[in-house]
Amino acid sequence: MEIKFVYNQLKSYQAAMGYVPELMTHNERMEVIRDYVLALSMEQGEMLDELPWKPWKNYKNEDYDLENVTEEWIDSFIFLMDQAIILGITADDIENMFTDVMQKLFIRIENRYSKKREKGV
């Protein structure tokens, strides 16, 4: 599945829900962005609830329900993509910026910016 397919599906979904960024005022778009940021925060919390992450808790079984975790992750991804659409970021913008950012990240690794350090270094 390509990002353009996902983007277009979500754009159609938003339109069906009554969100057409081209017809919204700046203030309306900013209100939706605030709602989406809050919703994203909640979805991330729900995903965390599905994981055995608490260091103070003695988990008997550290396995987790991957299907539930994946569903919460997808919900988060959808809210991120929704934000992009409302902000006017296109699928091409996402692909191009992703490529640019990944190049920068690999350059950082080459320059030891993000490499895990050995103990004692």
Protein backbone atom coordinates (compact mmCIF):
# COMPACT_ATOMS: atom_id res chain seq x y z
CA MET A 1 0.00 0.00 0.00
CA GLU A 2 1.40 3.39 -0.94
CA ILE A 3 1.16 6.61 1.02
CA LYS A 4 -0.87 8.23 -1.78
CA PHE A 5 -3.52 5.52 -1.49
CA VAL A 6 -3.72 5.99 2.30
CA TYR A 7 -3.77 9.76 1.91
CA ASN A 8 -6.59 9.68 -0.65
CA GLN A 9 -8.63 7.23 1.44
CA LEU A 10 -8.33 9.49 4.47
CA LYS A 11 -9.10 12.60 2.45
CA SER A 12 -12.31 10.92 1.24
CA TYR A 13 -13.14 9.87 4.79
CA GLN A 14 -12.62 13.41 6.05
CA ALA A 15 -14.88 14.79 3.32
CA ALA A 16 -17.57 12.27 4.26
CA MET A 17 -17.25 13.46 7.88
CA GLY A 18 -17.66 17.08 6.74
CA TYR A 19 -14.01 18.14 6.90
CA VAL A 20 -13.02 19.79 3.63
CA PRO A 21 -9.91 21.86 4.38
CA GLU A 22 -10.27 23.91 1.21
CA LEU A 23 -13.67 25.13 2.45
CA MET A 24 -12.63 25.72 6.07
CA THR A 25 -11.45 28.98 7.56
CA HIS A 26 -8.06 29.18 9.21
CA ASN A 27 -9.69 29.17 12.65
CA GLU A 28 -11.80 26.11 11.78
CA ARG A 29 -8.71 24.24 10.59
CA MET A 30 -6.80 25.18 13.76
CA GLU A 31 -9.71 23.96 15.90
CA VAL A 32 -9.66 20.61 14.09
CA ILE A 33 -5.87 20.39 14.50
CA ARG A 34 -6.24 20.94 18.27
CA ASP A 35 -8.87 18.19 18.37
CA TYR A 36 -6.64 15.84 16.36
CA VAL A 37 -3.62 16.52 18.60
CA LEU A 38 -5.71 15.64 21.64
CA ALA A 39 -7.12 12.54 19.93
CA LEU A 40 -3.59 11.48 18.93
CA SER A 41 -2.44 11.85 22.53
CA MET A 42 -5.32 9.67 23.68
CA GLU A 43 -4.62 7.01 21.04
CA GLN A 44 -0.96 6.91 22.05
CA GLY A 45 -2.04 6.46 25.67
CA GLU A 46 -4.37 3.64 24.64
CA MET A 47 -1.52 1.96 22.78
CA LEU A 48 0.73 2.29 25.82
CA ASP A 49 -1.99 0.72 27.95
CA GLU A 50 -1.75 -2.35 25.72
CA LEU A 51 1.99 -2.74 26.40
CA PRO A 52 3.88 -4.05 29.45
CA TRP A 53 5.87 -0.85 29.92
CA LYS A 54 5.76 -0.10 33.65
CA PRO A 55 9.24 -0.72 35.11
CA TRP A 56 7.86 -0.94 38.66
CA LYS A 57 5.37 -3.67 37.82
CA ASN A 58 6.41 -7.32 37.80
CA TYR A 59 4.83 -8.67 34.62
CA LYS A 60 4.31 -12.41 34.60
CA ASN A 61 3.91 -12.45 30.85
CA GLU A 62 5.57 -9.73 28.83
CA ASP A 63 3.76 -10.74 25.69
CA TYR A 64 1.11 -8.37 24.46
CA ASP A 65 -1.77 -8.55 22.04
CA LEU A 66 -0.13 -7.41 18.83
CA GLU A 67 -3.50 -7.00 17.12
CA ASN A 68 -4.68 -4.53 19.79
CA VAL A 69 -1.36 -2.67 19.73
CA THR A 70 -1.48 -2.48 15.93
CA GLU A 71 -5.04 -1.15 15.97
CA GLU A 72 -4.09 1.62 18.41
CA TRP A 73 -1.01 2.41 16.33
CA ILE A 74 -3.15 2.66 13.18
CA ASP A 75 -5.57 4.97 15.00
CA SER A 76 -2.59 7.19 15.85
CA PHE A 77 -1.31 7.07 12.27
CA ILE A 78 -4.74 8.09 10.98
CA PHE A 79 -4.82 11.14 13.24
CA LEU A 80 -1.32 12.12 12.06
CA MET A 81 -2.39 11.80 8.43
CA ASP A 82 -5.61 13.70 9.18
CA GLN A 83 -3.48 16.54 10.55
CA ALA A 84 -1.41 16.58 7.36
CA ILE A 85 -4.53 16.82 5.21
CA ILE A 86 -6.06 19.63 7.28
CA LEU A 87 -2.76 21.53 7.18
CA GLY A 88 -2.57 21.19 3.39
CA ILE A 89 0.42 18.82 3.38
CA THR A 90 0.14 16.57 0.33
CA ALA A 91 1.13 12.93 -0.10
CA ASP A 92 4.01 14.09 -2.29
CA ASP A 93 5.10 16.52 0.45
CA ILE A 94 5.11 13.64 2.94
CA GLU A 95 7.16 11.37 0.66
CA ASN A 96 9.66 14.10 -0.19
CA MET A 97 10.12 15.30 3.38
CA PHE A 98 10.41 11.73 4.64
CA THR A 99 13.24 11.11 2.17
CA ASP A 100 14.99 14.35 3.18
CA VAL A 101 14.67 13.67 6.91
CA MET A 102 15.90 10.08 6.56
CA GLN A 103 18.97 11.31 4.68
CA LYS A 104 19.69 13.74 7.52
CA LEU A 105 19.23 11.01 10.12
CA PHE A 106 21.69 8.70 8.39
CA ILE A 107 24.21 11.54 8.13
CA ARG A 108 23.82 12.06 11.88
CA ILE A 109 24.54 8.38 12.47
CA GLU A 110 27.62 8.57 10.24
CA ASN A 111 28.78 11.51 12.37
CA ARG A 112 28.09 9.53 15.55
CA TYR A 113 25.28 11.90 16.53
CA SER A 114 22.76 9.16 17.30
CA LYS A 115 24.83 5.99 17.65
CA LYS A 116 24.54 4.18 20.93
CA ARG A 117 27.73 4.72 22.84
CA GLU A 118 29.75 1.86 24.19
CA LYS A 119 29.94 1.65 27.97
CA GLY A 120 32.74 3.79 29.30
CA VAL A 121 32.89 6.07 26.24
